[in-house]
Amino acid sequence: MTIQTPTADNELLGKAVATRKISRLERFLGPDNYRILLGLLKTPASITGTILITFFVLLALAAPILAPPLNPNDPYKIPRDGFRAQPQPMGTEWRSRPPELPFWWKAVTGKDEWVHIFGTAQGQYDIYYGVIWGARTAFKTGLIVVFTTLLLGIVVGSTSAFYGGWVDNVLMRIVDILYVLPSLMATLILAAVLTPVIGRSLLPAMIALIAFGWMSYARIIRGDILSVRERDYVMAARVIGVKDSRILFRHILPNAIFPTLVLASLDIGTVTISFAALSFLGIGTEVGYADWGQILAFARNWITSLDTYWYIIAWPAITLVLFVMSWNLVGDALRDVLDPRLRGKI
């Protein structure tokens, strides 16, 4: 038998492959995840989105420093400067008992008086305080709702796809029935029903958003698992007697989860908008809770006078748009890295 000697090109390729160093990060993440991370770091959209998300994270963490609460036991209650209906302009000094003066205020402005930086809304609610602490509300509602809906969707979708048969038929019929309902209207009705039972808080709106938000995850994860479960390494694991749970969590889900994570990153912005819409309509938290949607609701009676009271709607609206845009930018970039064929598509 004649053994062919490698050509110079093959030798060069072999040396390149043999001498390529694998970083600790790549070894920890795995080659696929490492490729995704590199792709995100090279995408301007994801960099912009990450910078914005980091800004909002820092804003939420620094809320007690940037806007000290009047009552530390109830920090999400927006402090009021009286009860007058007419909003006050930006820079107006506090008339009644103001919150504690931040340590940085005098160093930055040279003044000893705490003012309404963004003005006041109807009822003399401080807009600046609501915007700052509203960042915590946005993260709390967005992350909890998306994590819970993602978990429900993964459980239902993976169970349906992995076992198939009547299990698949029953679960997918439930998904189809819930999916055809107008989600915003269904969420609105359920939240309105739950509010008298639970009370005015974050819970009614969050439960309603969870109840009608998990079906998309179930559909996507089911489709991806159906394509993955017939691959050779899954079939080999079945042949050697690996347990179903180990096959699902060790071999199938890690290779089918990425499109679902893209949807989850996009949904954080969607959930934040939906929660703000419910608050704007008066469903959810009690009046005076630090929530961007509720601050926007204060502007309803001043729509015809926004040329004068523009600041009531401008600051919470700008903050809400930037928050939603940051997650959408990261989600779009992640989608393009995972599947370039979807670039530019919804």
C-alpha atoms as a PDB file:
ATOM      1  CA  MET A   1       0.000   0.000   0.000  1.00  0.00           C
ATOM      2  CA  THR A   2       1.343   3.392  -0.948  1.00  0.00           C
ATOM      3  CA  ILE A   3       1.141   6.149   1.646  1.00  0.00           C
ATOM      4  CA  GLN A   4       0.809   9.606   0.154  1.00  0.00           C
ATOM      5  CA  THR A   5       3.000  12.239   1.708  1.00  0.00           C
ATOM      6  CA  PRO A   6       1.217  15.462   2.643  1.00  0.00           C
ATOM      7  CA  THR A   7       1.670  18.424   0.352  1.00  0.00           C
ATOM      8  CA  ALA A   8       3.159  21.691   1.535  1.00  0.00           C
ATOM      9  CA  ASP A   9      -0.318  23.247   1.734  1.00  0.00           C
ATOM     10  CA  ASN A  10      -1.615  20.409   3.888  1.00  0.00           C
ATOM     11  CA  GLU A  11       1.411  20.660   6.169  1.00  0.00           C
ATOM     12  CA  LEU A  12       0.852  24.403   6.570  1.00  0.00           C
ATOM     13  CA  LEU A  13      -2.834  23.873   7.352  1.00  0.00           C
ATOM     14  CA  GLY A  14      -2.008  21.141   9.831  1.00  0.00           C
ATOM     15  CA  LYS A  15       0.483  23.364  11.628  1.00  0.00           C
ATOM     16  CA  ALA A  16      -2.014  26.229  11.754  1.00  0.00           C
ATOM     17  CA  VAL A  17      -4.693  24.020  13.250  1.00  0.00           C
ATOM     18  CA  ALA A  18      -2.291  22.345  15.649  1.00  0.00           C
ATOM     19  CA  THR A  19      -0.808  25.628  16.932  1.00  0.00           C
ATOM     20  CA  ARG A  20      -4.099  27.555  17.287  1.00  0.00           C
ATOM     21  CA  LYS A  21      -4.548  28.479  20.912  1.00  0.00           C
ATOM     22  CA  ILE A  22      -7.968  28.180  22.505  1.00  0.00           C
ATOM     23  CA  SER A  23      -8.609  30.855  25.106  1.00  0.00           C
ATOM     24  CA  ARG A  24     -10.063  30.084  28.507  1.00  0.00           C
ATOM     25  CA  LEU A  25     -13.180  32.047  27.586  1.00  0.00           C
ATOM     26  CA  GLU A  26     -13.690  29.983  24.427  1.00  0.00           C
ATOM     27  CA  ARG A  27     -13.109  26.773  26.350  1.00  0.00           C
ATOM     28  CA  PHE A  28     -15.622  27.856  28.990  1.00  0.00           C
ATOM     29  CA  LEU A  29     -18.318  29.069  26.574  1.00  0.00           C
ATOM     30  CA  GLY A  30     -17.786  26.508  23.839  1.00  0.00           C
ATOM     31  CA  PRO A  31     -17.016  27.290  20.172  1.00  0.00           C
ATOM     32  CA  ASP A  32     -20.598  28.179  19.186  1.00  0.00           C
ATOM     33  CA  ASN A  33     -21.239  30.521  22.100  1.00  0.00           C
ATOM     34  CA  TYR A  34     -17.800  32.067  21.655  1.00  0.00           C
ATOM     35  CA  ARG A  35     -18.580  32.780  17.998  1.00  0.00           C
ATOM     36  CA  ILE A  36     -21.842  34.448  19.015  1.00  0.00           C
ATOM     37  CA  LEU A  37     -20.037  36.620  21.571  1.00  0.00           C
ATOM     38  CA  LEU A  38     -17.447  37.724  19.010  1.00  0.00           C
ATOM     39  CA  GLY A  39     -20.199  38.504  16.524  1.00  0.00           C
ATOM     40  CA  LEU A  40     -21.998  40.690  19.063  1.00  0.00           C
ATOM     41  CA  LEU A  41     -18.809  42.549  19.943  1.00  0.00           C
ATOM     42  CA  LYS A  42     -18.311  43.403  16.263  1.00  0.00           C
ATOM     43  CA  THR A  43     -21.872  44.624  15.673  1.00  0.00           C
ATOM     44  CA  PRO A  44     -22.475  48.381  16.156  1.00  0.00           C
ATOM     45  CA  ALA A  45     -26.138  47.787  17.033  1.00  0.00           C
ATOM     46  CA  SER A  46     -25.325  45.380  19.859  1.00  0.00           C
ATOM     47  CA  ILE A  47     -22.584  47.673  21.186  1.00  0.00           C
ATOM     48  CA  THR A  48     -25.001  50.620  21.242  1.00  0.00           C
ATOM     49  CA  GLY A  49     -27.699  48.506  22.879  1.00  0.00           C
ATOM     50  CA  THR A  50     -25.275  47.146  25.472  1.00  0.00           C
ATOM     51  CA  ILE A  51     -24.103  50.668  26.346  1.00  0.00           C
ATOM     52  CA  LEU A  52     -27.709  51.796  26.824  1.00  0.00           C
ATOM     53  CA  ILE A  53     -28.582  48.731  28.928  1.00  0.00           C
ATOM     54  CA  THR A  54     -25.486  49.322  31.069  1.00  0.00           C
ATOM     55  CA  PHE A  55     -26.569  52.940  31.538  1.00  0.00           C
ATOM     56  CA  PHE A  56     -30.010  51.868  32.753  1.00  0.00           C
ATOM     57  CA  VAL A  57     -28.511  49.226  35.053  1.00  0.00           C
ATOM     58  CA  LEU A  58     -26.302  51.873  36.652  1.00  0.00           C
ATOM     59  CA  LEU A  59     -29.269  54.253  36.827  1.00  0.00           C
ATOM     60  CA  ALA A  60     -31.344  51.647  38.662  1.00  0.00           C
ATOM     61  CA  LEU A  61     -28.524  50.724  41.047  1.00  0.00           C
ATOM     62  CA  ALA A  62     -27.770  54.365  41.840  1.00  0.00           C
ATOM     63  CA  ALA A  63     -31.418  55.363  42.354  1.00  0.00           C
ATOM     64  CA  PRO A  64     -31.073  55.857  46.161  1.00  0.00           C
ATOM     65  CA  ILE A  65     -28.114  58.166  45.520  1.00  0.00           C
ATOM     66  CA  LEU A  66     -29.538  60.087  42.567  1.00  0.00           C
ATOM     67  CA  ALA A  67     -33.016  60.468  44.095  1.00  0.00           C
ATOM     68  CA  PRO A  68     -33.069  59.767  47.857  1.00  0.00           C
ATOM     69  CA  PRO A  69     -36.497  58.460  48.928  1.00  0.00           C
ATOM     70  CA  LEU A  70     -38.652  60.440  51.318  1.00  0.00           C
ATOM     71  CA  ASN A  71     -39.569  57.186  53.083  1.00  0.00           C
ATOM     72  CA  PRO A  72     -36.857  54.478  52.876  1.00  0.00           C
ATOM     73  CA  ASN A  73     -39.475  51.839  53.721  1.00  0.00           C
ATOM     74  CA  ASP A  74     -41.497  52.779  50.631  1.00  0.00           C
ATOM     75  CA  PRO A  75     -38.944  54.009  48.074  1.00  0.00           C
ATOM     76  CA  TYR A  76     -41.192  53.513  45.033  1.00  0.00           C
ATOM     77  CA  LYS A  77     -43.682  56.128  46.222  1.00  0.00           C
ATOM     78  CA  ILE A  78     -43.081  59.346  44.296  1.00  0.00           C
ATOM     79  CA  PRO A  79     -42.788  62.292  46.720  1.00  0.00           C
ATOM     80  CA  ARG A  80     -45.349  65.081  46.325  1.00  0.00           C
ATOM     81  CA  ASP A  81     -44.873  68.810  46.746  1.00  0.00           C
ATOM     82  CA  GLY A  82     -48.438  69.685  47.670  1.00  0.00           C
ATOM     83  CA  PHE A  83     -51.693  68.811  45.948  1.00  0.00           C
ATOM     84  CA  ARG A  84     -52.139  71.474  43.282  1.00  0.00           C
ATOM     85  CA  ALA A  85     -53.339  70.271  39.912  1.00  0.00           C
ATOM     86  CA  GLN A  86     -51.219  72.534  37.729  1.00  0.00           C
ATOM     87  CA  PRO A  87     -47.746  71.131  36.932  1.00  0.00           C
ATOM     88  CA  GLN A  88     -44.711  73.162  37.922  1.00  0.00           C
ATOM     89  CA  PRO A  89     -41.814  73.855  35.523  1.00  0.00           C
ATOM     90  CA  MET A  90     -38.338  72.365  35.682  1.00  0.00           C
ATOM     91  CA  GLY A  91     -36.072  73.825  38.337  1.00  0.00           C
ATOM     92  CA  THR A  92     -38.895  74.853  40.679  1.00  0.00           C
ATOM     93  CA  GLU A  93     -37.854  74.763  44.339  1.00  0.00           C
ATOM     94  CA  TRP A  94     -39.657  72.462  46.744  1.00  0.00           C
ATOM     95  CA  ARG A  95     -42.386  74.255  48.697  1.00  0.00           C
ATOM     96  CA  SER A  96     -43.223  71.601  51.277  1.00  0.00           C
ATOM     97  CA  ARG A  97     -41.082  68.937  52.942  1.00  0.00           C
ATOM     98  CA  PRO A  98     -38.470  67.885  50.353  1.00  0.00           C
ATOM     99  CA  PRO A  99     -36.624  64.562  50.296  1.00  0.00           C
ATOM    100  CA  GLU A 100     -33.112  64.392  51.677  1.00  0.00           C
ATOM    101  CA  LEU A 101     -30.685  66.552  49.706  1.00  0.00           C
ATOM    102  CA  PRO A 102     -28.281  64.291  47.749  1.00  0.00           C
ATOM    103  CA  PHE A 103     -24.653  64.686  48.784  1.00  0.00           C
ATOM    104  CA  TRP A 104     -23.634  65.475  45.204  1.00  0.00           C
ATOM    105  CA  TRP A 105     -26.203  68.235  44.604  1.00  0.00           C
ATOM    106  CA  LYS A 106     -24.329  71.150  46.185  1.00  0.00           C
ATOM    107  CA  ALA A 107     -21.025  70.083  44.637  1.00  0.00           C
ATOM    108  CA  VAL A 108     -22.600  70.029  41.161  1.00  0.00           C
ATOM    109  CA  THR A 109     -24.899  73.077  41.367  1.00  0.00           C
ATOM    110  CA  GLY A 110     -23.516  75.100  44.282  1.00  0.00           C
ATOM    111  CA  LYS A 111     -27.040  75.346  45.762  1.00  0.00           C
ATOM    112  CA  ASP A 112     -28.393  74.227  49.115  1.00  0.00           C
ATOM    113  CA  GLU A 113     -32.012  73.882  47.945  1.00  0.00           C
ATOM    114  CA  TRP A 114     -33.367  70.711  46.350  1.00  0.00           C
ATOM    115  CA  VAL A 115     -35.453  71.445  43.236  1.00  0.00           C
ATOM    116  CA  HIS A 116     -37.756  69.620  40.840  1.00  0.00           C
ATOM    117  CA  ILE A 117     -35.153  68.875  38.172  1.00  0.00           C
ATOM    118  CA  PHE A 118     -37.706  67.664  35.598  1.00  0.00           C
ATOM    119  CA  GLY A 119     -40.625  69.639  37.032  1.00  0.00           C
ATOM    120  CA  THR A 120     -43.780  68.204  38.571  1.00  0.00           C
ATOM    121  CA  ALA A 121     -46.756  66.385  37.091  1.00  0.00           C
ATOM    122  CA  GLN A 122     -50.417  66.830  37.941  1.00  0.00           C
ATOM    123  CA  GLY A 123     -50.826  66.485  41.704  1.00  0.00           C
ATOM    124  CA  GLN A 124     -47.253  67.774  42.228  1.00  0.00           C
ATOM    125  CA  TYR A 125     -45.572  64.391  41.780  1.00  0.00           C
ATOM    126  CA  ASP A 126     -41.846  64.843  41.169  1.00  0.00           C
ATOM    127  CA  ILE A 127     -41.092  63.679  37.612  1.00  0.00           C
ATOM    128  CA  TYR A 128     -37.343  63.285  38.163  1.00  0.00           C
ATOM    129  CA  TYR A 129     -37.894  60.878  41.057  1.00  0.00           C
ATOM    130  CA  GLY A 130     -40.406  58.856  39.050  1.00  0.00           C
ATOM    131  CA  VAL A 131     -38.060  58.563  36.072  1.00  0.00           C
ATOM    132  CA  ILE A 132     -35.077  57.438  38.186  1.00  0.00           C
ATOM    133  CA  TRP A 133     -36.926  54.874  40.304  1.00  0.00           C
ATOM    134  CA  GLY A 134     -39.013  53.864  37.300  1.00  0.00           C
ATOM    135  CA  ALA A 135     -35.862  52.224  35.904  1.00  0.00           C
ATOM    136  CA  ARG A 136     -36.000  49.721  38.763  1.00  0.00           C
ATOM    137  CA  THR A 137     -39.669  49.070  38.053  1.00  0.00           C
ATOM    138  CA  ALA A 138     -38.892  48.483  34.366  1.00  0.00           C
ATOM    139  CA  PHE A 139     -36.146  45.956  35.127  1.00  0.00           C
ATOM    140  CA  LYS A 140     -38.226  44.243  37.791  1.00  0.00           C
ATOM    141  CA  THR A 141     -41.307  43.789  35.622  1.00  0.00           C
ATOM    142  CA  GLY A 142     -39.465  43.107  32.366  1.00  0.00           C
ATOM    143  CA  LEU A 143     -37.021  40.520  33.678  1.00  0.00           C
ATOM    144  CA  ILE A 144     -39.479  38.682  35.938  1.00  0.00           C
ATOM    145  CA  VAL A 145     -42.198  38.471  33.283  1.00  0.00           C
ATOM    146  CA  VAL A 146     -39.819  37.415  30.499  1.00  0.00           C
ATOM    147  CA  PHE A 147     -38.013  34.853  32.675  1.00  0.00           C
ATOM    148  CA  THR A 148     -41.302  33.306  33.803  1.00  0.00           C
ATOM    149  CA  THR A 149     -42.831  33.209  30.317  1.00  0.00           C
ATOM    150  CA  LEU A 150     -39.572  31.832  28.916  1.00  0.00           C
ATOM    151  CA  LEU A 151     -39.535  29.077  31.534  1.00  0.00           C
ATOM    152  CA  LEU A 152     -43.171  28.159  30.861  1.00  0.00           C
ATOM    153  CA  GLY A 153     -42.602  28.180  27.115  1.00  0.00           C
ATOM    154  CA  ILE A 154     -39.521  25.972  27.375  1.00  0.00           C
ATOM    155  CA  VAL A 155     -41.305  23.447  29.604  1.00  0.00           C
ATOM    156  CA  VAL A 156     -44.387  23.231  27.377  1.00  0.00           C
ATOM    157  CA  GLY A 157     -42.534  23.371  24.046  1.00  0.00           C
ATOM    158  CA  SER A 158     -39.824  20.874  24.969  1.00  0.00           C
ATOM    159  CA  THR A 159     -42.316  18.422  26.487  1.00  0.00           C
ATOM    160  CA  SER A 160     -44.544  18.674  23.421  1.00  0.00           C
ATOM    161  CA  ALA A 161     -41.721  18.184  20.924  1.00  0.00           C
ATOM    162  CA  PHE A 162     -39.783  15.504  22.769  1.00  0.00           C
ATOM    163  CA  TYR A 163     -42.661  13.142  23.510  1.00  0.00           C
ATOM    164  CA  GLY A 164     -44.922  13.932  20.536  1.00  0.00           C
ATOM    165  CA  GLY A 165     -48.133  11.968  19.996  1.00  0.00           C
ATOM    166  CA  TRP A 166     -51.168  12.878  22.074  1.00  0.00           C
ATOM    167  CA  VAL A 167     -49.020  14.966  24.432  1.00  0.00           C
ATOM    168  CA  ASP A 168     -47.976  17.153  21.513  1.00  0.00           C
ATOM    169  CA  ASN A 169     -51.551  17.420  20.225  1.00  0.00           C
ATOM    170  CA  VAL A 170     -53.041  18.445  23.578  1.00  0.00           C
ATOM    171  CA  LEU A 171     -50.365  20.990  24.459  1.00  0.00           C
ATOM    172  CA  MET A 172     -50.296  22.571  21.007  1.00  0.00           C
ATOM    173  CA  ARG A 173     -54.091  22.904  20.925  1.00  0.00           C
ATOM    174  CA  ILE A 174     -53.912  24.811  24.208  1.00  0.00           C
ATOM    175  CA  VAL A 175     -51.200  27.010  22.731  1.00  0.00           C
ATOM    176  CA  ASP A 176     -53.242  27.618  19.569  1.00  0.00           C
ATOM    177  CA  ILE A 177     -56.354  28.593  21.540  1.00  0.00           C
ATOM    178  CA  LEU A 178     -54.462  31.111  23.669  1.00  0.00           C
ATOM    179  CA  TYR A 179     -52.432  32.360  20.711  1.00  0.00           C
ATOM    180  CA  VAL A 180     -55.454  33.455  18.652  1.00  0.00           C
ATOM    181  CA  LEU A 181     -56.761  35.668  21.467  1.00  0.00           C
ATOM    182  CA  PRO A 182     -55.997  39.395  21.089  1.00  0.00           C
ATOM    183  CA  SER A 183     -53.162  39.503  23.605  1.00  0.00           C
ATOM    184  CA  LEU A 184     -53.404  43.142  24.658  1.00  0.00           C
ATOM    185  CA  MET A 185     -57.166  42.983  25.183  1.00  0.00           C
ATOM    186  CA  ALA A 186     -56.925  39.643  27.015  1.00  0.00           C
ATOM    187  CA  THR A 187     -54.136  41.002  29.227  1.00  0.00           C
ATOM    188  CA  LEU A 188     -56.143  44.133  29.945  1.00  0.00           C
ATOM    189  CA  ILE A 189     -59.246  42.159  30.948  1.00  0.00           C
ATOM    190  CA  LEU A 190     -57.352  39.687  33.146  1.00  0.00           C
ATOM    191  CA  ALA A 191     -55.405  42.466  34.882  1.00  0.00           C
ATOM    192  CA  ALA A 192     -58.646  44.366  35.504  1.00  0.00           C
ATOM    193  CA  VAL A 193     -60.220  41.235  37.014  1.00  0.00           C
ATOM    194  CA  LEU A 194     -57.198  40.491  39.215  1.00  0.00           C
ATOM    195  CA  THR A 195     -56.736  44.031  40.546  1.00  0.00           C
ATOM    196  CA  PRO A 196     -59.747  43.976  42.946  1.00  0.00           C
ATOM    197  CA  VAL A 197     -58.727  40.498  44.135  1.00  0.00           C
ATOM    198  CA  ILE A 198     -54.989  41.051  44.645  1.00  0.00           C
ATOM    199  CA  GLY A 199     -55.016  44.808  45.132  1.00  0.00           C
ATOM    200  CA  ARG A 200     -53.299  47.600  43.233  1.00  0.00           C
ATOM    201  CA  SER A 201     -49.706  46.492  42.804  1.00  0.00           C
ATOM    202  CA  LEU A 202     -47.316  45.141  40.192  1.00  0.00           C
ATOM    203  CA  LEU A 203     -48.749  41.626  40.460  1.00  0.00           C
ATOM    204  CA  PRO A 204     -52.045  41.901  38.495  1.00  0.00           C
ATOM    205  CA  ALA A 205     -50.402  43.291  35.372  1.00  0.00           C
ATOM    206  CA  MET A 206     -47.417  40.929  35.649  1.00  0.00           C
ATOM    207  CA  ILE A 207     -49.619  37.843  36.055  1.00  0.00           C
ATOM    208  CA  ALA A 208     -51.727  38.919  33.081  1.00  0.00           C
ATOM    209  CA  LEU A 209     -48.644  39.477  30.907  1.00  0.00           C
ATOM    210  CA  ILE A 210     -47.268  36.061  31.898  1.00  0.00           C
ATOM    211  CA  ALA A 211     -50.572  34.294  31.237  1.00  0.00           C
ATOM    212  CA  PHE A 212     -50.690  35.480  27.622  1.00  0.00           C
ATOM    213  CA  GLY A 213     -46.984  35.771  26.858  1.00  0.00           C
ATOM    214  CA  TRP A 214     -45.489  32.263  26.913  1.00  0.00           C
ATOM    215  CA  MET A 215     -47.052  30.753  23.772  1.00  0.00           C
ATOM    216  CA  SER A 216     -44.502  32.149  21.303  1.00  0.00           C
ATOM    217  CA  TYR A 217     -41.664  30.576  23.276  1.00  0.00           C
ATOM    218  CA  ALA A 218     -43.446  27.220  23.305  1.00  0.00           C
ATOM    219  CA  ARG A 219     -43.925  27.283  19.530  1.00  0.00           C
ATOM    220  CA  ILE A 220     -40.356  28.284  18.738  1.00  0.00           C
ATOM    221  CA  ILE A 221     -38.687  25.844  21.133  1.00  0.00           C
ATOM    222  CA  ARG A 222     -40.945  23.040  19.879  1.00  0.00           C
ATOM    223  CA  GLY A 223     -39.967  23.663  16.255  1.00  0.00           C
ATOM    224  CA  ASP A 224     -36.268  23.811  17.063  1.00  0.00           C
ATOM    225  CA  ILE A 225     -36.359  20.645  19.161  1.00  0.00           C
ATOM    226  CA  LEU A 226     -38.179  18.770  16.393  1.00  0.00           C
ATOM    227  CA  SER A 227     -35.284  19.573  14.064  1.00  0.00           C
ATOM    228  CA  VAL A 228     -32.611  18.721  16.637  1.00  0.00           C
ATOM    229  CA  ARG A 229     -33.988  15.506  18.138  1.00  0.00           C
ATOM    230  CA  GLU A 230     -33.411  13.493  14.938  1.00  0.00           C
ATOM    231  CA  ARG A 231     -29.720  14.323  14.701  1.00  0.00           C
ATOM    232  CA  ASP A 232     -27.135  11.579  14.960  1.00  0.00           C
ATOM    233  CA  TYR A 233     -25.790  12.424  18.410  1.00  0.00           C
ATOM    234  CA  VAL A 234     -29.320  12.391  19.881  1.00  0.00           C
ATOM    235  CA  MET A 235     -30.113   9.053  18.243  1.00  0.00           C
ATOM    236  CA  ALA A 236     -26.812   7.646  19.501  1.00  0.00           C
ATOM    237  CA  ALA A 237     -27.622   8.745  23.056  1.00  0.00           C
ATOM    238  CA  ARG A 238     -30.970   6.962  22.830  1.00  0.00           C
ATOM    239  CA  VAL A 239     -29.357   3.778  21.535  1.00  0.00           C
ATOM    240  CA  ILE A 240     -26.941   3.535  24.458  1.00  0.00           C
ATOM    241  CA  GLY A 241     -29.791   4.035  26.933  1.00  0.00           C
ATOM    242  CA  VAL A 242     -29.307   7.610  28.117  1.00  0.00           C
ATOM    243  CA  LYS A 243     -32.285   8.866  30.145  1.00  0.00           C
ATOM    244  CA  ASP A 244     -34.811  11.111  28.415  1.00  0.00           C
ATOM    245  CA  SER A 245     -34.235  13.958  30.859  1.00  0.00           C
ATOM    246  CA  ARG A 246     -30.474  13.905  30.252  1.00  0.00           C
ATOM    247  CA  ILE A 247     -30.930  13.795  26.468  1.00  0.00           C
ATOM    248  CA  LEU A 248     -33.316  16.736  26.633  1.00  0.00           C
ATOM    249  CA  PHE A 249     -31.280  18.962  28.940  1.00  0.00           C
ATOM    250  CA  ARG A 250     -27.780  17.912  27.875  1.00  0.00           C
ATOM    251  CA  HIS A 251     -28.061  17.382  24.119  1.00  0.00           C
ATOM    252  CA  ILE A 252     -31.260  18.925  22.749  1.00  0.00           C
ATOM    253  CA  LEU A 253     -32.065  22.137  24.633  1.00  0.00           C
ATOM    254  CA  PRO A 254     -28.549  23.659  24.469  1.00  0.00           C
ATOM    255  CA  ASN A 255     -28.640  23.310  20.676  1.00  0.00           C
ATOM    256  CA  ALA A 256     -32.199  24.596  20.260  1.00  0.00           C
ATOM    257  CA  ILE A 257     -32.409  27.444  22.751  1.00  0.00           C
ATOM    258  CA  PHE A 258     -30.733  30.289  20.842  1.00  0.00           C
ATOM    259  CA  PRO A 259     -33.685  31.491  18.700  1.00  0.00           C
ATOM    260  CA  THR A 260     -35.800  31.481  21.848  1.00  0.00           C
ATOM    261  CA  LEU A 261     -33.239  33.648  23.645  1.00  0.00           C
ATOM    262  CA  VAL A 262     -33.392  36.137  20.763  1.00  0.00           C
ATOM    263  CA  LEU A 263     -37.140  36.422  21.241  1.00  0.00           C
ATOM    264  CA  ALA A 264     -36.642  36.804  25.003  1.00  0.00           C
ATOM    265  CA  SER A 265     -34.234  39.723  24.568  1.00  0.00           C
ATOM    266  CA  LEU A 266     -36.717  41.434  22.262  1.00  0.00           C
ATOM    267  CA  ASP A 267     -39.600  40.701  24.633  1.00  0.00           C
ATOM    268  CA  ILE A 268     -38.069  42.606  27.544  1.00  0.00           C
ATOM    269  CA  GLY A 269     -38.727  45.812  25.641  1.00  0.00           C
ATOM    270  CA  THR A 270     -42.178  44.614  24.568  1.00  0.00           C
ATOM    271  CA  VAL A 271     -43.158  43.713  28.135  1.00  0.00           C
ATOM    272  CA  THR A 272     -41.969  47.101  29.394  1.00  0.00           C
ATOM    273  CA  ILE A 273     -44.108  48.882  26.795  1.00  0.00           C
ATOM    274  CA  SER A 274     -47.114  46.688  27.605  1.00  0.00           C
ATOM    275  CA  PHE A 275     -46.765  47.271  31.341  1.00  0.00           C
ATOM    276  CA  ALA A 276     -46.466  51.022  30.752  1.00  0.00           C
ATOM    277  CA  ALA A 277     -49.622  50.878  28.614  1.00  0.00           C
ATOM    278  CA  LEU A 278     -51.541  49.133  31.399  1.00  0.00           C
ATOM    279  CA  SER A 279     -50.329  51.719  33.903  1.00  0.00           C
ATOM    280  CA  PHE A 280     -51.302  54.499  31.508  1.00  0.00           C
ATOM    281  CA  LEU A 281     -54.824  53.058  31.412  1.00  0.00           C
ATOM    282  CA  GLY A 282     -54.975  53.001  35.206  1.00  0.00           C
ATOM    283  CA  ILE A 283     -54.526  49.251  35.706  1.00  0.00           C
ATOM    284  CA  GLY A 284     -51.770  48.002  37.958  1.00  0.00           C
ATOM    285  CA  THR A 285     -49.947  50.054  40.560  1.00  0.00           C
ATOM    286  CA  GLU A 286     -51.579  52.636  42.780  1.00  0.00           C
ATOM    287  CA  VAL A 287     -51.364  56.317  41.901  1.00  0.00           C
ATOM    288  CA  GLY A 288     -47.954  57.754  42.732  1.00  0.00           C
ATOM    289  CA  TYR A 289     -45.937  54.566  42.151  1.00  0.00           C
ATOM    290  CA  ALA A 290     -42.624  55.127  40.355  1.00  0.00           C
ATOM    291  CA  ASP A 291     -43.540  53.778  36.934  1.00  0.00           C
ATOM    292  CA  TRP A 292     -42.947  55.447  33.571  1.00  0.00           C
ATOM    293  CA  GLY A 293     -46.403  54.565  32.277  1.00  0.00           C
ATOM    294  CA  GLN A 294     -48.069  56.197  35.255  1.00  0.00           C
ATOM    295  CA  ILE A 295     -46.053  59.394  34.841  1.00  0.00           C
ATOM    296  CA  LEU A 296     -47.208  59.502  31.222  1.00  0.00           C
ATOM    297  CA  ALA A 297     -50.776  59.069  32.481  1.00  0.00           C
ATOM    298  CA  PHE A 298     -50.408  62.303  34.463  1.00  0.00           C
ATOM    299  CA  ALA A 299     -50.076  64.134  31.128  1.00  0.00           C
ATOM    300  CA  ARG A 300     -53.495  63.051  29.814  1.00  0.00           C
ATOM    301  CA  ASN A 301     -55.286  66.122  31.148  1.00  0.00           C
ATOM    302  CA  TRP A 302     -52.658  68.433  29.678  1.00  0.00           C
ATOM    303  CA  ILE A 303     -52.510  67.108  26.116  1.00  0.00           C
ATOM    304  CA  THR A 304     -53.822  70.400  24.718  1.00  0.00           C
ATOM    305  CA  SER A 305     -51.205  72.364  26.669  1.00  0.00           C
ATOM    306  CA  LEU A 306     -48.088  70.354  25.892  1.00  0.00           C
ATOM    307  CA  ASP A 307     -46.486  73.405  24.335  1.00  0.00           C
ATOM    308  CA  THR A 308     -46.234  74.693  27.904  1.00  0.00           C
ATOM    309  CA  TYR A 309     -46.104  71.439  29.898  1.00  0.00           C
ATOM    310  CA  TRP A 310     -44.047  69.392  27.445  1.00  0.00           C
ATOM    311  CA  TYR A 311     -41.737  68.141  30.194  1.00  0.00           C
ATOM    312  CA  ILE A 312     -44.521  66.022  31.714  1.00  0.00           C
ATOM    313  CA  ILE A 313     -44.478  63.666  28.747  1.00  0.00           C
ATOM    314  CA  ALA A 314     -40.988  64.258  27.339  1.00  0.00           C
ATOM    315  CA  TRP A 315     -38.807  62.812  30.114  1.00  0.00           C
ATOM    316  CA  PRO A 316     -40.679  59.555  30.810  1.00  0.00           C
ATOM    317  CA  ALA A 317     -41.303  59.026  27.083  1.00  0.00           C
ATOM    318  CA  ILE A 318     -37.635  59.502  26.136  1.00  0.00           C
ATOM    319  CA  THR A 319     -36.551  57.171  28.940  1.00  0.00           C
ATOM    320  CA  LEU A 320     -39.072  54.507  27.936  1.00  0.00           C
ATOM    321  CA  VAL A 321     -38.117  54.684  24.242  1.00  0.00           C
ATOM    322  CA  LEU A 322     -34.384  54.393  24.978  1.00  0.00           C
ATOM    323  CA  PHE A 323     -34.937  51.455  27.338  1.00  0.00           C
ATOM    324  CA  VAL A 324     -37.016  49.548  24.793  1.00  0.00           C
ATOM    325  CA  MET A 325     -34.643  50.445  21.949  1.00  0.00           C
ATOM    326  CA  SER A 326     -31.622  49.125  23.859  1.00  0.00           C
ATOM    327  CA  TRP A 327     -33.111  45.625  24.174  1.00  0.00           C
ATOM    328  CA  ASN A 328     -34.326  45.661  20.572  1.00  0.00           C
ATOM    329  CA  LEU A 329     -30.847  46.557  19.304  1.00  0.00           C
ATOM    330  CA  VAL A 330     -29.252  43.693  21.226  1.00  0.00           C
ATOM    331  CA  GLY A 331     -31.989  41.286  20.132  1.00  0.00           C
ATOM    332  CA  ASP A 332     -31.687  42.246  16.457  1.00  0.00           C
ATOM    333  CA  ALA A 333     -27.912  41.886  16.557  1.00  0.00           C
ATOM    334  CA  LEU A 334     -28.180  38.501  18.264  1.00  0.00           C
ATOM    335  CA  ARG A 335     -30.647  37.353  15.611  1.00  0.00           C
ATOM    336  CA  ASP A 336     -28.302  38.417  12.795  1.00  0.00           C
ATOM    337  CA  VAL A 337     -25.347  36.602  14.369  1.00  0.00           C
ATOM    338  CA  LEU A 338     -27.308  33.390  14.908  1.00  0.00           C
ATOM    339  CA  ASP A 339     -28.894  33.337  11.452  1.00  0.00           C
ATOM    340  CA  PRO A 340     -27.579  35.846   8.856  1.00  0.00           C
ATOM    341  CA  ARG A 341     -30.425  34.798   6.524  1.00  0.00           C
ATOM    342  CA  LEU A 342     -32.834  36.663   8.817  1.00  0.00           C
ATOM    343  CA  ARG A 343     -30.871  39.924   8.602  1.00  0.00           C
ATOM    344  CA  GLY A 344     -33.236  42.811   8.089  1.00  0.00           C
ATOM    345  CA  LYS A 345     -36.341  40.686   8.668  1.00  0.00           C
ATOM    346  CA  ILE A 346     -38.701  40.650  11.638  1.00  0.00           C
END
